[in-house]
Every structure is written in C-alpha cells, then in structure tokens.
N, C-alpha and C. Protein backbone atom coordinates (compact mmCIF):
# COMPACT_ATOMS: atom_id res chain seq x y z
N MET A 1 -25.70 -57.51 -56.11
CA MET A 1 -24.90 -56.32 -56.01
C MET A 1 -25.34 -55.52 -54.77
N ALA A 2 -24.38 -55.01 -54.03
CA ALA A 2 -24.67 -54.25 -52.82
C ALA A 2 -25.32 -52.92 -53.16
N GLN A 3 -26.19 -52.47 -52.29
CA GLN A 3 -26.91 -51.21 -52.48
C GLN A 3 -25.98 -50.02 -52.22
N LEU A 4 -26.14 -48.97 -53.00
CA LEU A 4 -25.36 -47.75 -52.83
C LEU A 4 -26.22 -46.72 -52.09
N HIS A 5 -25.61 -45.99 -51.16
CA HIS A 5 -26.29 -44.97 -50.38
C HIS A 5 -25.56 -43.65 -50.58
N MET A 6 -26.08 -42.59 -49.95
CA MET A 6 -25.38 -41.31 -49.97
C MET A 6 -25.53 -40.61 -48.63
N THR A 7 -24.62 -39.66 -48.36
CA THR A 7 -24.68 -38.88 -47.12
C THR A 7 -24.88 -37.42 -47.46
N ARG A 8 -25.47 -36.71 -46.50
CA ARG A 8 -25.71 -35.28 -46.66
C ARG A 8 -25.77 -34.66 -45.27
N VAL A 9 -25.21 -33.47 -45.13
CA VAL A 9 -25.24 -32.78 -43.85
C VAL A 9 -26.63 -32.20 -43.63
N ALA A 10 -27.16 -32.37 -42.43
CA ALA A 10 -28.46 -31.79 -42.07
C ALA A 10 -28.19 -30.38 -41.53
N VAL A 11 -28.01 -29.44 -42.43
CA VAL A 11 -27.64 -28.07 -42.08
C VAL A 11 -28.71 -27.45 -41.18
N GLY A 12 -28.27 -26.89 -40.06
CA GLY A 12 -29.18 -26.21 -39.15
C GLY A 12 -29.89 -27.12 -38.18
N CYS A 13 -29.62 -28.42 -38.22
CA CYS A 13 -30.25 -29.35 -37.28
C CYS A 13 -29.26 -29.67 -36.16
N PRO A 14 -29.56 -29.27 -34.93
CA PRO A 14 -28.64 -29.54 -33.83
C PRO A 14 -28.74 -30.95 -33.28
N ASP A 15 -29.85 -31.67 -33.60
CA ASP A 15 -30.03 -33.01 -33.04
C ASP A 15 -31.04 -33.80 -33.88
N TYR A 16 -31.19 -35.09 -33.54
CA TYR A 16 -32.08 -35.98 -34.29
C TYR A 16 -33.55 -35.52 -34.23
N PRO A 17 -34.08 -35.14 -33.05
CA PRO A 17 -35.50 -34.71 -33.03
C PRO A 17 -35.78 -33.52 -33.95
N THR A 18 -34.85 -32.58 -34.06
CA THR A 18 -35.04 -31.45 -34.95
C THR A 18 -35.07 -31.90 -36.40
N LEU A 19 -34.18 -32.85 -36.76
CA LEU A 19 -34.17 -33.40 -38.11
C LEU A 19 -35.49 -34.11 -38.40
N ALA A 20 -35.97 -34.90 -37.46
CA ALA A 20 -37.24 -35.62 -37.65
C ALA A 20 -38.39 -34.64 -37.82
N ALA A 21 -38.41 -33.57 -37.04
CA ALA A 21 -39.47 -32.57 -37.16
C ALA A 21 -39.40 -31.84 -38.50
N ARG A 22 -38.19 -31.55 -38.97
CA ARG A 22 -38.03 -30.87 -40.26
C ARG A 22 -38.56 -31.75 -41.39
N ILE A 23 -38.22 -33.02 -41.38
CA ILE A 23 -38.68 -33.92 -42.44
C ILE A 23 -40.20 -34.07 -42.39
N ALA A 24 -40.75 -34.21 -41.18
CA ALA A 24 -42.21 -34.33 -41.04
C ALA A 24 -42.93 -33.08 -41.54
N SER A 25 -42.35 -31.91 -41.29
CA SER A 25 -43.00 -30.66 -41.72
C SER A 25 -42.93 -30.46 -43.23
N ARG A 26 -41.96 -31.05 -43.88
CA ARG A 26 -41.80 -30.89 -45.33
C ARG A 26 -42.44 -32.02 -46.13
N ALA A 27 -43.03 -32.98 -45.45
CA ALA A 27 -43.61 -34.15 -46.12
C ALA A 27 -44.84 -33.76 -46.93
N GLU A 28 -44.91 -34.32 -48.14
CA GLU A 28 -46.06 -34.14 -49.02
C GLU A 28 -46.42 -35.51 -49.61
N ARG A 29 -47.62 -35.99 -49.29
CA ARG A 29 -48.09 -37.28 -49.80
C ARG A 29 -47.08 -38.40 -49.53
N GLY A 30 -46.48 -38.39 -48.35
CA GLY A 30 -45.55 -39.46 -47.97
C GLY A 30 -44.15 -39.33 -48.56
N GLU A 31 -43.88 -38.20 -49.23
CA GLU A 31 -42.57 -37.98 -49.84
C GLU A 31 -41.98 -36.68 -49.32
N VAL A 32 -40.67 -36.59 -49.36
CA VAL A 32 -39.96 -35.38 -48.99
C VAL A 32 -38.89 -35.13 -50.05
N TYR A 33 -38.63 -33.84 -50.35
CA TYR A 33 -37.73 -33.47 -51.43
C TYR A 33 -36.50 -32.75 -50.86
N PHE A 34 -35.33 -33.14 -51.33
CA PHE A 34 -34.08 -32.48 -50.98
C PHE A 34 -33.45 -32.02 -52.28
N THR A 35 -33.15 -30.74 -52.36
CA THR A 35 -32.64 -30.16 -53.60
C THR A 35 -31.12 -30.18 -53.65
N THR A 36 -30.59 -30.49 -54.82
CA THR A 36 -29.16 -30.47 -55.07
C THR A 36 -28.91 -29.85 -56.45
N ARG A 37 -27.69 -29.41 -56.68
CA ARG A 37 -27.41 -28.75 -57.96
C ARG A 37 -27.18 -29.73 -59.10
N PHE A 38 -26.60 -30.88 -58.79
CA PHE A 38 -26.25 -31.83 -59.85
C PHE A 38 -26.81 -33.21 -59.55
N LYS A 39 -27.21 -33.89 -60.61
CA LYS A 39 -27.68 -35.27 -60.47
C LYS A 39 -26.47 -36.18 -60.31
N PRO A 40 -26.51 -37.09 -59.33
CA PRO A 40 -25.39 -38.00 -59.17
C PRO A 40 -25.18 -38.85 -60.42
N LYS A 41 -23.93 -39.08 -60.78
CA LYS A 41 -23.62 -39.93 -61.95
C LYS A 41 -24.12 -41.35 -61.74
N ARG A 42 -24.18 -41.78 -60.49
CA ARG A 42 -24.61 -43.14 -60.16
C ARG A 42 -26.05 -43.15 -59.62
N ALA A 43 -26.88 -42.25 -60.13
CA ALA A 43 -28.26 -42.10 -59.63
C ALA A 43 -29.05 -43.40 -59.71
N ASP A 44 -28.88 -44.16 -60.78
CA ASP A 44 -29.63 -45.42 -60.92
C ASP A 44 -29.30 -46.40 -59.81
N GLU A 45 -28.05 -46.39 -59.35
CA GLU A 45 -27.63 -47.29 -58.26
C GLU A 45 -28.15 -46.82 -56.91
N LEU A 46 -28.48 -45.54 -56.79
CA LEU A 46 -28.94 -44.98 -55.52
C LEU A 46 -30.42 -45.22 -55.26
N ILE A 47 -31.21 -45.44 -56.31
CA ILE A 47 -32.64 -45.65 -56.13
C ILE A 47 -32.86 -46.93 -55.33
N GLY A 48 -33.60 -46.79 -54.24
CA GLY A 48 -33.80 -47.90 -53.31
C GLY A 48 -32.79 -47.89 -52.18
N GLY A 49 -31.75 -47.08 -52.32
CA GLY A 49 -30.77 -46.92 -51.25
C GLY A 49 -31.27 -45.90 -50.25
N LYS A 50 -30.40 -45.45 -49.38
CA LYS A 50 -30.78 -44.53 -48.31
C LYS A 50 -29.96 -43.24 -48.39
N LEU A 51 -30.60 -42.16 -48.00
CA LEU A 51 -29.94 -40.87 -47.83
C LEU A 51 -29.71 -40.73 -46.33
N HIS A 52 -28.43 -40.77 -45.92
CA HIS A 52 -28.05 -40.68 -44.51
C HIS A 52 -27.73 -39.23 -44.16
N PHE A 53 -28.15 -38.80 -42.98
CA PHE A 53 -27.94 -37.42 -42.55
C PHE A 53 -26.86 -37.33 -41.48
N ILE A 54 -26.02 -36.31 -41.63
CA ILE A 54 -24.95 -36.03 -40.68
C ILE A 54 -25.39 -34.87 -39.79
N VAL A 55 -25.38 -35.12 -38.47
CA VAL A 55 -25.68 -34.10 -37.47
C VAL A 55 -24.54 -34.11 -36.48
N LYS A 56 -23.88 -32.98 -36.32
CA LYS A 56 -22.75 -32.85 -35.39
C LYS A 56 -21.71 -33.95 -35.62
N HIS A 57 -21.32 -34.13 -36.86
CA HIS A 57 -20.28 -35.09 -37.26
C HIS A 57 -20.64 -36.55 -36.96
N MET A 58 -21.93 -36.85 -36.95
CA MET A 58 -22.39 -38.22 -36.74
C MET A 58 -23.52 -38.53 -37.71
N LEU A 59 -23.50 -39.73 -38.30
CA LEU A 59 -24.64 -40.21 -39.09
C LEU A 59 -25.70 -40.62 -38.06
N VAL A 60 -26.89 -40.02 -38.14
CA VAL A 60 -27.90 -40.28 -37.11
C VAL A 60 -29.22 -40.83 -37.64
N GLY A 61 -29.52 -40.61 -38.92
CA GLY A 61 -30.79 -41.07 -39.46
C GLY A 61 -30.72 -41.19 -40.97
N ARG A 62 -31.75 -41.82 -41.54
CA ARG A 62 -31.77 -42.01 -42.99
C ARG A 62 -33.19 -42.14 -43.50
N VAL A 63 -33.34 -41.82 -44.78
CA VAL A 63 -34.61 -41.98 -45.48
C VAL A 63 -34.33 -42.72 -46.78
N GLU A 64 -35.32 -43.43 -47.28
CA GLU A 64 -35.14 -44.20 -48.52
C GLU A 64 -35.28 -43.29 -49.74
N ILE A 65 -34.37 -43.46 -50.70
CA ILE A 65 -34.39 -42.69 -51.95
C ILE A 65 -35.34 -43.37 -52.94
N LEU A 66 -36.31 -42.61 -53.42
CA LEU A 66 -37.29 -43.14 -54.38
C LEU A 66 -36.90 -42.84 -55.83
N ARG A 67 -36.47 -41.59 -56.08
CA ARG A 67 -36.15 -41.19 -57.45
C ARG A 67 -35.46 -39.83 -57.44
N PHE A 68 -35.05 -39.40 -58.63
CA PHE A 68 -34.46 -38.08 -58.84
C PHE A 68 -35.32 -37.36 -59.87
N ASP A 69 -35.81 -36.16 -59.52
CA ASP A 69 -36.66 -35.38 -60.42
C ASP A 69 -35.94 -34.11 -60.86
N ASP A 70 -36.05 -33.79 -62.14
CA ASP A 70 -35.51 -32.53 -62.65
C ASP A 70 -36.47 -31.40 -62.30
N ARG A 71 -35.92 -30.26 -61.90
CA ARG A 71 -36.73 -29.09 -61.59
C ARG A 71 -36.65 -28.09 -62.73
N GLU A 72 -37.59 -27.17 -62.78
CA GLU A 72 -37.61 -26.16 -63.84
C GLU A 72 -36.41 -25.22 -63.76
N ASP A 73 -35.86 -25.01 -62.56
CA ASP A 73 -34.73 -24.10 -62.39
C ASP A 73 -33.38 -24.75 -62.67
N GLY A 74 -33.40 -26.00 -63.16
CA GLY A 74 -32.16 -26.70 -63.51
C GLY A 74 -31.57 -27.53 -62.39
N ARG A 75 -32.13 -27.43 -61.22
CA ARG A 75 -31.65 -28.24 -60.10
C ARG A 75 -32.32 -29.61 -60.11
N ILE A 76 -31.93 -30.44 -59.16
CA ILE A 76 -32.45 -31.80 -59.06
C ILE A 76 -33.07 -31.99 -57.68
N ASP A 77 -34.23 -32.63 -57.61
CA ASP A 77 -34.84 -33.02 -56.35
C ASP A 77 -34.53 -34.48 -56.08
N ILE A 78 -34.00 -34.76 -54.90
CA ILE A 78 -33.84 -36.13 -54.44
C ILE A 78 -35.15 -36.44 -53.71
N VAL A 79 -35.96 -37.30 -54.27
CA VAL A 79 -37.27 -37.61 -53.71
C VAL A 79 -37.13 -38.85 -52.83
N CYS A 80 -37.53 -38.70 -51.56
CA CYS A 80 -37.36 -39.77 -50.58
C CYS A 80 -38.67 -40.04 -49.86
N VAL A 81 -38.73 -41.20 -49.22
CA VAL A 81 -39.85 -41.54 -48.34
C VAL A 81 -39.76 -40.62 -47.13
N ALA A 82 -40.87 -40.05 -46.70
CA ALA A 82 -40.87 -39.06 -45.62
C ALA A 82 -40.90 -39.70 -44.24
N GLU A 83 -40.25 -40.83 -44.10
CA GLU A 83 -40.19 -41.52 -42.81
C GLU A 83 -38.72 -41.68 -42.42
N LEU A 84 -38.30 -40.91 -41.42
CA LEU A 84 -36.92 -40.93 -40.96
C LEU A 84 -36.69 -42.15 -40.08
N GLU A 85 -35.64 -42.89 -40.40
CA GLU A 85 -35.26 -44.09 -39.65
C GLU A 85 -33.99 -43.77 -38.86
N ARG A 86 -34.04 -44.01 -37.57
CA ARG A 86 -32.87 -43.74 -36.72
C ARG A 86 -31.86 -44.86 -36.91
N VAL A 87 -30.57 -44.48 -36.93
CA VAL A 87 -29.49 -45.46 -37.06
C VAL A 87 -28.53 -45.31 -35.88
N HIS A 88 -27.73 -46.35 -35.66
CA HIS A 88 -26.70 -46.26 -34.64
C HIS A 88 -25.75 -45.14 -35.06
N PRO A 89 -25.56 -44.14 -34.20
CA PRO A 89 -24.68 -43.02 -34.58
C PRO A 89 -23.29 -43.52 -34.98
N GLN A 90 -22.81 -42.97 -36.06
CA GLN A 90 -21.50 -43.37 -36.59
C GLN A 90 -20.76 -42.09 -36.99
N PRO A 91 -19.51 -41.93 -36.57
CA PRO A 91 -18.77 -40.71 -36.91
C PRO A 91 -18.66 -40.52 -38.42
N LYS A 92 -18.84 -39.27 -38.84
CA LYS A 92 -18.71 -38.92 -40.26
C LYS A 92 -18.43 -37.43 -40.34
N ARG A 93 -17.36 -37.07 -41.01
CA ARG A 93 -17.01 -35.67 -41.15
C ARG A 93 -18.02 -34.95 -42.03
N ALA A 94 -18.25 -33.70 -41.70
CA ALA A 94 -19.15 -32.87 -42.51
C ALA A 94 -18.52 -32.59 -43.87
N HIS A 95 -19.35 -32.36 -44.87
CA HIS A 95 -18.88 -32.06 -46.22
C HIS A 95 -19.94 -31.23 -46.92
N GLN A 96 -19.60 -30.67 -48.05
CA GLN A 96 -20.56 -29.92 -48.84
C GLN A 96 -21.25 -30.87 -49.81
N GLY A 97 -22.51 -30.61 -50.07
CA GLY A 97 -23.24 -31.44 -51.02
C GLY A 97 -23.51 -32.82 -50.46
N TRP A 98 -23.31 -33.85 -51.28
CA TRP A 98 -23.55 -35.23 -50.88
C TRP A 98 -22.34 -36.07 -51.25
N ARG A 99 -22.25 -37.23 -50.65
CA ARG A 99 -21.18 -38.19 -50.94
C ARG A 99 -21.79 -39.59 -50.99
N TYR A 100 -21.17 -40.45 -51.79
CA TYR A 100 -21.61 -41.84 -51.85
C TYR A 100 -21.21 -42.57 -50.57
N LEU A 101 -21.99 -43.60 -50.22
CA LEU A 101 -21.72 -44.42 -49.04
C LEU A 101 -22.00 -45.87 -49.42
N ALA A 102 -20.98 -46.70 -49.33
CA ALA A 102 -21.13 -48.12 -49.67
C ALA A 102 -21.96 -48.83 -48.59
N GLU A 103 -22.62 -49.89 -48.99
CA GLU A 103 -23.45 -50.68 -48.07
C GLU A 103 -22.64 -51.14 -46.85
N ALA A 104 -21.41 -51.56 -47.07
CA ALA A 104 -20.57 -52.06 -45.97
C ALA A 104 -20.23 -50.96 -44.96
N ASP A 105 -20.24 -49.70 -45.40
CA ASP A 105 -19.90 -48.59 -44.52
C ASP A 105 -21.11 -47.93 -43.87
N ALA A 106 -22.30 -48.32 -44.26
CA ALA A 106 -23.52 -47.71 -43.74
C ALA A 106 -23.80 -48.19 -42.31
N PRO A 107 -24.28 -47.29 -41.45
CA PRO A 107 -24.61 -47.69 -40.08
C PRO A 107 -25.82 -48.60 -40.04
N LYS A 108 -25.90 -49.39 -39.00
CA LYS A 108 -27.03 -50.31 -38.81
C LYS A 108 -28.24 -49.55 -38.26
N SER A 109 -29.41 -50.06 -38.55
CA SER A 109 -30.65 -49.48 -38.06
C SER A 109 -30.78 -49.70 -36.57
N MET A 110 -31.41 -48.74 -35.90
CA MET A 110 -31.70 -48.89 -34.47
C MET A 110 -33.05 -49.57 -34.36
N ASP A 111 -33.05 -50.82 -33.97
CA ASP A 111 -34.31 -51.51 -33.78
C ASP A 111 -34.34 -52.08 -32.37
N GLY A 112 -35.52 -52.28 -31.87
CA GLY A 112 -35.66 -52.80 -30.52
C GLY A 112 -36.00 -51.68 -29.55
N ASP A 113 -36.42 -52.07 -28.38
CA ASP A 113 -36.82 -51.12 -27.35
C ASP A 113 -35.87 -51.17 -26.17
N ASP A 114 -34.57 -51.21 -26.46
CA ASP A 114 -33.59 -51.32 -25.38
C ASP A 114 -33.19 -49.97 -24.79
N GLY A 115 -33.72 -48.86 -25.32
CA GLY A 115 -33.43 -47.54 -24.79
C GLY A 115 -32.16 -46.91 -25.32
N ILE A 116 -31.37 -47.66 -26.07
CA ILE A 116 -30.10 -47.12 -26.58
C ILE A 116 -30.36 -45.95 -27.52
N SER A 117 -31.42 -46.00 -28.28
CA SER A 117 -31.70 -44.92 -29.23
C SER A 117 -32.04 -43.61 -28.53
N ASP A 118 -32.36 -43.66 -27.23
CA ASP A 118 -32.71 -42.46 -26.49
C ASP A 118 -31.49 -41.76 -25.88
N LEU A 119 -30.33 -42.39 -25.96
CA LEU A 119 -29.12 -41.80 -25.39
C LEU A 119 -28.69 -40.56 -26.17
N PRO A 120 -28.16 -39.55 -25.47
CA PRO A 120 -27.61 -38.40 -26.19
C PRO A 120 -26.44 -38.86 -27.06
N PRO A 121 -26.25 -38.23 -28.23
CA PRO A 121 -25.18 -38.67 -29.15
C PRO A 121 -23.79 -38.70 -28.51
N GLU A 122 -23.49 -37.74 -27.63
CA GLU A 122 -22.17 -37.70 -27.00
C GLU A 122 -21.95 -38.93 -26.12
N LEU A 123 -22.98 -39.28 -25.33
CA LEU A 123 -22.88 -40.45 -24.46
C LEU A 123 -22.79 -41.72 -25.29
N TYR A 124 -23.59 -41.81 -26.34
CA TYR A 124 -23.54 -42.98 -27.21
C TYR A 124 -22.15 -43.15 -27.79
N ARG A 125 -21.55 -42.05 -28.26
CA ARG A 125 -20.22 -42.09 -28.85
C ARG A 125 -19.19 -42.62 -27.83
N GLU A 126 -19.26 -42.12 -26.59
CA GLU A 126 -18.32 -42.56 -25.57
C GLU A 126 -18.50 -44.05 -25.26
N LEU A 127 -19.73 -44.51 -25.14
CA LEU A 127 -19.98 -45.92 -24.85
C LEU A 127 -19.52 -46.81 -26.01
N ALA A 128 -19.73 -46.33 -27.23
CA ALA A 128 -19.28 -47.10 -28.40
C ALA A 128 -17.77 -47.19 -28.45
N GLU A 129 -17.09 -46.09 -28.12
CA GLU A 129 -15.63 -46.10 -28.12
C GLU A 129 -15.07 -47.06 -27.07
N LEU A 130 -15.81 -47.26 -26.00
CA LEU A 130 -15.41 -48.20 -24.95
C LEU A 130 -15.88 -49.62 -25.24
N SER A 131 -16.52 -49.81 -26.39
CA SER A 131 -17.07 -51.12 -26.81
C SER A 131 -18.10 -51.65 -25.84
N LEU A 132 -18.87 -50.75 -25.23
CA LEU A 132 -19.92 -51.17 -24.31
C LEU A 132 -21.26 -51.32 -25.01
N ILE A 133 -21.39 -50.74 -26.18
CA ILE A 133 -22.62 -50.93 -26.98
C ILE A 133 -22.23 -51.18 -28.41
C-alpha cells in the first residue's frame, strides 16, 4: 500500500533556510512538534509518511511523521523527526490547516550535489516549466 503524506503551510517562513532554522530551533531530543486542532481521521496511515511544507505556494521541504500525541488543552501534536529534507519545489496552493497528499503526488527528494537545490525557488520554477530540470 502506498504511503500517505500531508501538507501544511509554513506560516511566516519566506524561504527554505528560514523554515530549516525554525525547525532546528524547535527541536527537542531529535523531534519537533506541530500543533493542530483535530487529529486526522487517517492518522494511522500517516505514521511513517511525511509532512510537506508550503512556502510561497511551493512544496519545498518535508519531515517524517512519527506519531500523533494528545495535548492537555485538547489539541493534537504532530510529532516529527527534526530533520528537514529538501524536495524539488512543486507548486501547491496555500490552505488552512493540513491536507492529505498521496504518494504519487509527493515531490521527489533533492539528492546529489548538482547545485540545483541552491537555486532560488522562482528560478527553479521557471526552469522546471521549460523542462530544463
């Protein structure tokens, strides 16, 4: 069975380095917590999947989902690995809360030292639209 993922807007993050710094600053014992009001109905399918972040209408990075913890205030913590993985930027409209993302629709990881991951998102988007990368 294909893995299920989710998306979430990185509110207040203008770029990938800011998102990476925010996650690093909030890390505790290798984990980072993201609070939401409701537990996803498909939470069991999301464990082991990835939480993808939207910055400026682009999916730019992701972290692995470890579990969902109930909080005393009635909210839910999405507990993730505190290691942000950069992905090939992929257009995605902003939304409130989180949304499910199927494995087939998830962006590919940026691996290798070809320098593509260092491109500004706008330039990457233009090159991708021209099918140059």
